[in-house]
PDB file of N, CA and C in Angstrom:
ATOM      1  N   MET A   1      -4.961   0.930  10.177  1.00  0.00           N
ATOM      2  CA  MET A   1      -3.803   0.447   9.475  1.00  0.00           C
ATOM      3  C   MET A   1      -4.017  -1.017   9.151  1.00  0.00           C
ATOM      4  N   GLN A   2      -3.285  -1.462   8.152  1.00  0.00           N
ATOM      5  CA  GLN A   2      -3.407  -2.849   7.736  1.00  0.00           C
ATOM      6  C   GLN A   2      -2.037  -3.479   7.569  1.00  0.00           C
ATOM      7  N   VAL A   3      -2.007  -4.787   7.734  1.00  0.00           N
ATOM      8  CA  VAL A   3      -0.791  -5.563   7.518  1.00  0.00           C
ATOM      9  C   VAL A   3      -0.954  -6.312   6.206  1.00  0.00           C
ATOM     10  N   VAL A   4       0.041  -6.204   5.342  1.00  0.00           N
ATOM     11  CA  VAL A   4       0.047  -6.947   4.088  1.00  0.00           C
ATOM     12  C   VAL A   4       1.326  -7.757   4.020  1.00  0.00           C
ATOM     13  N   ALA A   5       1.308  -8.821   3.262  1.00  0.00           N
ATOM     14  CA  ALA A   5       2.487  -9.651   3.080  1.00  0.00           C
ATOM     15  C   ALA A   5       2.862  -9.651   1.606  1.00  0.00           C
ATOM     16  N   PHE A   6       4.160  -9.743   1.337  1.00  0.00           N
ATOM     17  CA  PHE A   6       4.603  -9.752  -0.048  1.00  0.00           C
ATOM     18  C   PHE A   6       5.865 -10.596  -0.181  1.00  0.00           C
ATOM     19  N   SER A   7       6.099 -11.036  -1.394  1.00  0.00           N
ATOM     20  CA  SER A   7       7.338 -11.718  -1.759  1.00  0.00           C
ATOM     21  C   SER A   7       7.692 -11.260  -3.163  1.00  0.00           C
ATOM     22  N   THR A   8       8.907 -11.522  -3.575  1.00  0.00           N
ATOM     23  CA  THR A   8       9.340 -11.128  -4.913  1.00  0.00           C
ATOM     24  C   THR A   8       9.890 -12.353  -5.636  1.00  0.00           C
ATOM     25  N   PRO A   9       9.957 -12.313  -6.952  1.00  0.00           N
ATOM     26  CA  PRO A   9      10.521 -13.454  -7.681  1.00  0.00           C
ATOM     27  C   PRO A   9      11.977 -13.738  -7.280  1.00  0.00           C
ATOM     28  N   GLU A  10      12.719 -12.686  -6.949  1.00  0.00           N
ATOM     29  CA  GLU A  10      14.119 -12.876  -6.551  1.00  0.00           C
ATOM     30  C   GLU A  10      14.237 -13.518  -5.167  1.00  0.00           C
ATOM     31  N   ASP A  11      13.257 -13.250  -4.302  1.00  0.00           N
ATOM     32  CA  ASP A  11      13.264 -13.788  -2.940  1.00  0.00           C
ATOM     33  C   ASP A  11      11.867 -14.296  -2.620  1.00  0.00           C
ATOM     34  N   PRO A  12      11.616 -15.589  -2.798  1.00  0.00           N
ATOM     35  CA  PRO A  12      10.261 -16.113  -2.633  1.00  0.00           C
ATOM     36  C   PRO A  12       9.776 -16.186  -1.183  1.00  0.00           C
ATOM     37  N   LEU A  13      10.626 -15.850  -0.208  1.00  0.00           N
ATOM     38  CA  LEU A  13      10.171 -15.821   1.178  1.00  0.00           C
ATOM     39  C   LEU A  13       9.306 -14.591   1.408  1.00  0.00           C
ATOM     40  N   TRP A  14       8.466 -14.634   2.422  1.00  0.00           N
ATOM     41  CA  TRP A  14       7.479 -13.579   2.685  1.00  0.00           C
ATOM     42  C   TRP A  14       7.980 -12.564   3.700  1.00  0.00           C
ATOM     43  N   ARG A  15       7.582 -11.316   3.535  1.00  0.00           N
ATOM     44  CA  ARG A  15       7.825 -10.244   4.500  1.00  0.00           C
ATOM     45  C   ARG A  15       6.510  -9.501   4.707  1.00  0.00           C
ATOM     46  N   TRP A  16       6.409  -8.761   5.803  1.00  0.00           N
ATOM     47  CA  TRP A  16       5.192  -8.005   6.057  1.00  0.00           C
ATOM     48  C   TRP A  16       5.454  -6.508   5.923  1.00  0.00           C
ATOM     49  N   ARG A  17       4.381  -5.772   5.653  1.00  0.00           N
ATOM     50  CA  ARG A  17       4.392  -4.315   5.626  1.00  0.00           C
ATOM     51  C   ARG A  17       3.166  -3.829   6.387  1.00  0.00           C
ATOM     52  N   ILE A  18       3.334  -2.746   7.111  1.00  0.00           N
ATOM     53  CA  ILE A  18       2.211  -2.069   7.743  1.00  0.00           C
ATOM     54  C   ILE A  18       1.976  -0.801   6.944  1.00  0.00           C
ATOM     55  N   VAL A  19       0.759  -0.647   6.455  1.00  0.00           N
ATOM     56  CA  VAL A  19       0.407   0.534   5.652  1.00  0.00           C
ATOM     57  C   VAL A  19      -0.800   1.219   6.281  1.00  0.00           C
ATOM     58  N   ASN A  20      -0.856   2.531   6.136  1.00  0.00           N
ATOM     59  CA  ASN A  20      -2.022   3.252   6.654  1.00  0.00           C
ATOM     60  C   ASN A  20      -3.103   3.271   5.585  1.00  0.00           C
ATOM     61  N   TYR A  21      -4.258   3.861   5.918  1.00  0.00           N
ATOM     62  CA  TYR A  21      -5.386   3.830   4.991  1.00  0.00           C
ATOM     63  C   TYR A  21      -5.204   4.749   3.792  1.00  0.00           C
ATOM     64  N   ALA A  22      -4.162   5.571   3.803  1.00  0.00           N
ATOM     65  CA  ALA A  22      -3.835   6.385   2.630  1.00  0.00           C
ATOM     66  C   ALA A  22      -2.901   5.618   1.701  1.00  0.00           C
ATOM     67  N   GLY A  23      -2.517   4.397   2.103  1.00  0.00           N
ATOM     68  CA  GLY A  23      -1.636   3.576   1.280  1.00  0.00           C
ATOM     69  C   GLY A  23      -0.167   3.847   1.498  1.00  0.00           C
ATOM     70  N   GLU A  24       0.172   4.616   2.529  1.00  0.00           N
ATOM     71  CA  GLU A  24       1.571   4.957   2.801  1.00  0.00           C
ATOM     72  C   GLU A  24       2.218   3.880   3.667  1.00  0.00           C
ATOM     73  N   LEU A  25       3.466   3.577   3.364  1.00  0.00           N
ATOM     74  CA  LEU A  25       4.221   2.597   4.127  1.00  0.00           C
ATOM     75  C   LEU A  25       4.553   3.163   5.499  1.00  0.00           C
ATOM     76  N   VAL A  26       4.233   2.412   6.546  1.00  0.00           N
ATOM     77  CA  VAL A  26       4.537   2.821   7.913  1.00  0.00           C
ATOM     78  C   VAL A  26       5.758   2.067   8.415  1.00  0.00           C
ATOM     79  N   GLU A  27       5.781   0.754   8.196  1.00  0.00           N
ATOM     80  CA  GLU A  27       6.912  -0.064   8.629  1.00  0.00           C
ATOM     81  C   GLU A  27       6.959  -1.331   7.794  1.00  0.00           C
ATOM     82  N   GLU A  28       8.164  -1.883   7.650  1.00  0.00           N
ATOM     83  CA  GLU A  28       8.362  -3.096   6.854  1.00  0.00           C
ATOM     84  C   GLU A  28       9.336  -4.007   7.578  1.00  0.00           C
ATOM     85  N   SER A  29       9.115  -5.309   7.475  1.00  0.00           N
ATOM     86  CA  SER A  29      10.018  -6.259   8.130  1.00  0.00           C
ATOM     87  C   SER A  29      11.255  -6.492   7.279  1.00  0.00           C
ATOM     88  N   TYR A  30      12.355  -6.720   7.958  1.00  0.00           N
ATOM     89  CA  TYR A  30      13.578  -7.154   7.287  1.00  0.00           C
ATOM     90  C   TYR A  30      13.706  -8.664   7.396  1.00  0.00           C
ATOM     91  N   GLU A  31      13.016  -9.219   8.384  1.00  0.00           N
ATOM     92  CA  GLU A  31      13.007 -10.660   8.590  1.00  0.00           C
ATOM     93  C   GLU A  31      12.102 -11.305   7.541  1.00  0.00           C
ATOM     94  N   THR A  32      12.449 -12.494   7.089  1.00  0.00           N
ATOM     95  CA  THR A  32      11.622 -13.213   6.115  1.00  0.00           C
ATOM     96  C   THR A  32      10.946 -14.392   6.796  1.00  0.00           C
ATOM     97  N   PHE A  33       9.839 -14.842   6.185  1.00  0.00           N
ATOM     98  CA  PHE A  33       9.025 -15.906   6.756  1.00  0.00           C
ATOM     99  C   PHE A  33       8.714 -16.936   5.670  1.00  0.00           C
ATOM    100  N   PRO A  34       8.587 -18.206   6.050  1.00  0.00           N
ATOM    101  CA  PRO A  34       8.357 -19.252   5.047  1.00  0.00           C
ATOM    102  C   PRO A  34       6.949 -19.257   4.456  1.00  0.00           C
ATOM    103  N   SER A  35       5.989 -18.642   5.149  1.00  0.00           N
ATOM    104  CA  SER A  35       4.615 -18.655   4.636  1.00  0.00           C
ATOM    105  C   SER A  35       3.981 -17.279   4.790  1.00  0.00           C
ATOM    106  N   ILE A  36       2.968 -17.041   3.978  1.00  0.00           N
ATOM    107  CA  ILE A  36       2.240 -15.780   4.065  1.00  0.00           C
ATOM    108  C   ILE A  36       1.559 -15.653   5.429  1.00  0.00           C
ATOM    109  N   ALA A  37       1.066 -16.767   5.954  1.00  0.00           N
ATOM    110  CA  ALA A  37       0.373 -16.743   7.250  1.00  0.00           C
ATOM    111  C   ALA A  37       1.313 -16.315   8.371  1.00  0.00           C
ATOM    112  N   SER A  38       2.526 -16.827   8.372  1.00  0.00           N
ATOM    113  CA  SER A  38       3.462 -16.454   9.438  1.00  0.00           C
ATOM    114  C   SER A  38       3.901 -14.996   9.307  1.00  0.00           C
ATOM    115  N   ALA A  39       4.025 -14.491   8.083  1.00  0.00           N
ATOM    116  CA  ALA A  39       4.377 -13.081   7.890  1.00  0.00           C
ATOM    117  C   ALA A  39       3.262 -12.182   8.403  1.00  0.00           C
ATOM    118  N   ILE A  40       2.013 -12.498   8.067  1.00  0.00           N
ATOM    119  CA  ILE A  40       0.873 -11.705   8.532  1.00  0.00           C
ATOM    120  C   ILE A  40       0.758 -11.765  10.057  1.00  0.00           C
ATOM    121  N   GLU A  41       0.975 -12.927  10.626  1.00  0.00           N
ATOM    122  CA  GLU A  41       0.897 -13.083  12.082  1.00  0.00           C
ATOM    123  C   GLU A  41       1.920 -12.189  12.784  1.00  0.00           C
ATOM    124  N   GLN A  42       3.156 -12.207  12.314  1.00  0.00           N
ATOM    125  CA  GLN A  42       4.194 -11.384  12.936  1.00  0.00           C
ATOM    126  C   GLN A  42       3.952  -9.896  12.705  1.00  0.00           C
ATOM    127  N   GLY A  43       3.478  -9.533  11.526  1.00  0.00           N
ATOM    128  CA  GLY A  43       3.165  -8.139  11.247  1.00  0.00           C
ATOM    129  C   GLY A  43       2.022  -7.637  12.111  1.00  0.00           C
ATOM    130  N   SER A  44       1.039  -8.471  12.329  1.00  0.00           N
ATOM    131  CA  SER A  44      -0.094  -8.113  13.182  1.00  0.00           C
ATOM    132  C   SER A  44       0.353  -7.917  14.627  1.00  0.00           C
ATOM    133  N   LYS A  45       1.260  -8.760  15.089  1.00  0.00           N
ATOM    134  CA  LYS A  45       1.809  -8.589  16.439  1.00  0.00           C
ATOM    135  C   LYS A  45       2.537  -7.252  16.554  1.00  0.00           C
ATOM    136  N   ARG A  46       3.321  -6.927  15.536  1.00  0.00           N
ATOM    137  CA  ARG A  46       4.046  -5.656  15.551  1.00  0.00           C
ATOM    138  C   ARG A  46       3.086  -4.469  15.548  1.00  0.00           C
ATOM    139  N   LEU A  47       2.029  -4.551  14.771  1.00  0.00           N
ATOM    140  CA  LEU A  47       1.038  -3.480  14.718  1.00  0.00           C
ATOM    141  C   LEU A  47       0.398  -3.268  16.085  1.00  0.00           C
ATOM    142  N   ARG A  48       0.070  -4.363  16.775  1.00  0.00           N
ATOM    143  CA  ARG A  48      -0.513  -4.237  18.116  1.00  0.00           C
ATOM    144  C   ARG A  48       0.481  -3.594  19.080  1.00  0.00           C
ATOM    145  N   LEU A  49       1.761  -3.936  18.976  1.00  0.00           N
ATOM    146  CA  LEU A  49       2.788  -3.343  19.838  1.00  0.00           C
ATOM    147  C   LEU A  49       2.970  -1.850  19.567  1.00  0.00           C
ATOM    148  N   MET A  50       2.801  -1.449  18.324  1.00  0.00           N
ATOM    149  CA  MET A  50       2.950  -0.043  17.964  1.00  0.00           C
ATOM    150  C   MET A  50       1.877   0.810  18.632  1.00  0.00           C
ATOM    151  N   ASP A  51       0.666   0.275  18.780  1.00  0.00           N
ATOM    152  CA  ASP A  51      -0.441   0.951  19.449  1.00  0.00           C
ATOM    153  C   ASP A  51      -0.612   2.393  18.960  1.00  0.00           C
ATOM    154  N   VAL A  52      -0.801   2.553  17.652  1.00  0.00           N
ATOM    155  CA  VAL A  52      -0.970   3.874  17.061  1.00  0.00           C
ATOM    156  C   VAL A  52      -2.366   3.994  16.441  1.00  0.00           C
ATOM    157  N   VAL A  53      -2.808   5.218  16.278  1.00  0.00           N
ATOM    158  CA  VAL A  53      -4.090   5.499  15.649  1.00  0.00           C
ATOM    159  C   VAL A  53      -3.819   6.032  14.250  1.00  0.00           C
ATOM    160  N   ASP A  54      -4.519   5.489  13.273  1.00  0.00           N
ATOM    161  CA  ASP A  54      -4.345   5.924  11.884  1.00  0.00           C
ATOM    162  C   ASP A  54      -5.275   7.101  11.605  1.00  0.00           C
ATOM    163  N   ASN A  55      -4.709   8.291  11.492  1.00  0.00           N
ATOM    164  CA  ASN A  55      -5.488   9.492  11.189  1.00  0.00           C
ATOM    165  C   ASN A  55      -5.336   9.908   9.728  1.00  0.00           C
ATOM    166  N   SER A  56      -4.799   9.035   8.908  1.00  0.00           N
ATOM    167  CA  SER A  56      -4.599   9.375   7.501  1.00  0.00           C
ATOM    168  C   SER A  56      -5.943   9.435   6.772  1.00  0.00           C
ATOM    169  N   VAL A  57      -5.948  10.123   5.669  1.00  0.00           N
ATOM    170  CA  VAL A  57      -7.142  10.240   4.838  1.00  0.00           C
ATOM    171  C   VAL A  57      -7.031   9.215   3.715  1.00  0.00           C
ATOM    172  N   PRO A  58      -8.021   8.318   3.585  1.00  0.00           N
ATOM    173  CA  PRO A  58      -7.950   7.312   2.521  1.00  0.00           C
ATOM    174  C   PRO A  58      -7.812   7.951   1.146  1.00  0.00           C
ATOM    175  N   PHE A  59      -7.003   7.344   0.328  1.00  0.00           N
ATOM    176  CA  PHE A  59      -6.789   7.800  -1.045  1.00  0.00           C
ATOM    177  C   PHE A  59      -7.969   7.378  -1.896  1.00  0.00           C
ATOM    178  N   HIS A  60      -8.539   8.318  -2.659  1.00  0.00           N
ATOM    179  CA  HIS A  60      -9.643   8.029  -3.570  1.00  0.00           C
ATOM    180  C   HIS A  60      -9.181   8.332  -4.996  1.00  0.00           C
ATOM    181  N   PRO A  61      -8.893   7.304  -5.785  1.00  0.00           N
ATOM    182  CA  PRO A  61      -8.380   7.543  -7.132  1.00  0.00           C
ATOM    183  C   PRO A  61      -9.383   8.229  -8.052  1.00  0.00           C
ATOM    184  N   HIS A  62     -10.667   8.105  -7.742  1.00  0.00           N
ATOM    185  CA  HIS A  62     -11.699   8.719  -8.584  1.00  0.00           C
ATOM    186  C   HIS A  62     -12.285   9.916  -7.858  1.00  0.00           C
ATOM    187  N   ARG A  63     -11.714  11.036  -8.106  1.00  0.00           N
ATOM    188  CA  ARG A  63     -12.141  12.274  -7.478  1.00  0.00           C
ATOM    189  C   ARG A  63     -13.467  12.737  -8.066  1.00  0.00           C
ATOM    190  N   SER A  64     -14.255  13.409  -7.291  1.00  0.00           N
ATOM    191  CA  SER A  64     -15.532  13.934  -7.764  1.00  0.00           C
ATOM    192  C   SER A  64     -15.310  15.046  -8.769  1.00  0.00           C
ATOM    193  N   THR A  65     -16.172  15.121  -9.753  1.00  0.00           N
ATOM    194  CA  THR A  65     -16.125  16.215 -10.736  1.00  0.00           C
ATOM    195  C   THR A  65     -17.266  17.202 -10.488  1.00  0.00           C
ATOM    196  N   ARG A  66     -17.828  17.130  -9.304  1.00  0.00           N
ATOM    197  CA  ARG A  66     -18.959  17.998  -8.972  1.00  0.00           C
ATOM    198  C   ARG A  66     -18.586  19.462  -9.153  1.00  0.00           C
ATOM    199  N   HIS A  67     -17.363  19.853  -8.841  1.00  0.00           N
ATOM    200  CA  HIS A  67     -16.946  21.250  -8.963  1.00  0.00           C
ATOM    201  C   HIS A  67     -16.875  21.708 -10.434  1.00  0.00           C
ATOM    202  N   LEU A  68     -16.884  20.792 -11.381  1.00  0.00           N
ATOM    203  CA  LEU A  68     -16.833  21.148 -12.797  1.00  0.00           C
ATOM    204  C   LEU A  68     -18.220  21.304 -13.417  1.00  0.00           C
ATOM    205  N   ARG A  69     -19.233  20.878 -12.718  1.00  0.00           N
ATOM    206  CA  ARG A  69     -20.601  20.919 -13.267  1.00  0.00           C
ATOM    207  C   ARG A  69     -21.182  22.328 -13.190  1.00  0.00           C
ATOM    208  N   VAL A  70     -21.943  22.663 -14.194  1.00  0.00           N
ATOM    209  CA  VAL A  70     -22.594  23.979 -14.250  1.00  0.00           C
ATOM    210  C   VAL A  70     -23.933  23.875 -13.523  1.00  0.00           C
ATOM    211  N   PRO A  71     -24.225  24.817 -12.614  1.00  0.00           N
ATOM    212  CA  PRO A  71     -25.494  24.742 -11.867  1.00  0.00           C
ATOM    213  C   PRO A  71     -26.714  24.969 -12.739  1.00  0.00           C
TER     214      PRO A  71
END
């Protein structure tokens, strides 16, 4: 899993999100932070507390076309 930080034009303060390797949202902060570094730090702490294993399958936008090829 990974921690990402984001802000929006309407709210320039930072929040963190925990996403799995399939790109699915696992958890998001409601608390805001003044810097991207502080948001990532708090999100990373939360991820360690969760102590979960990511068994998701990574999303691959470019699927193989091997099944379409003629032998």
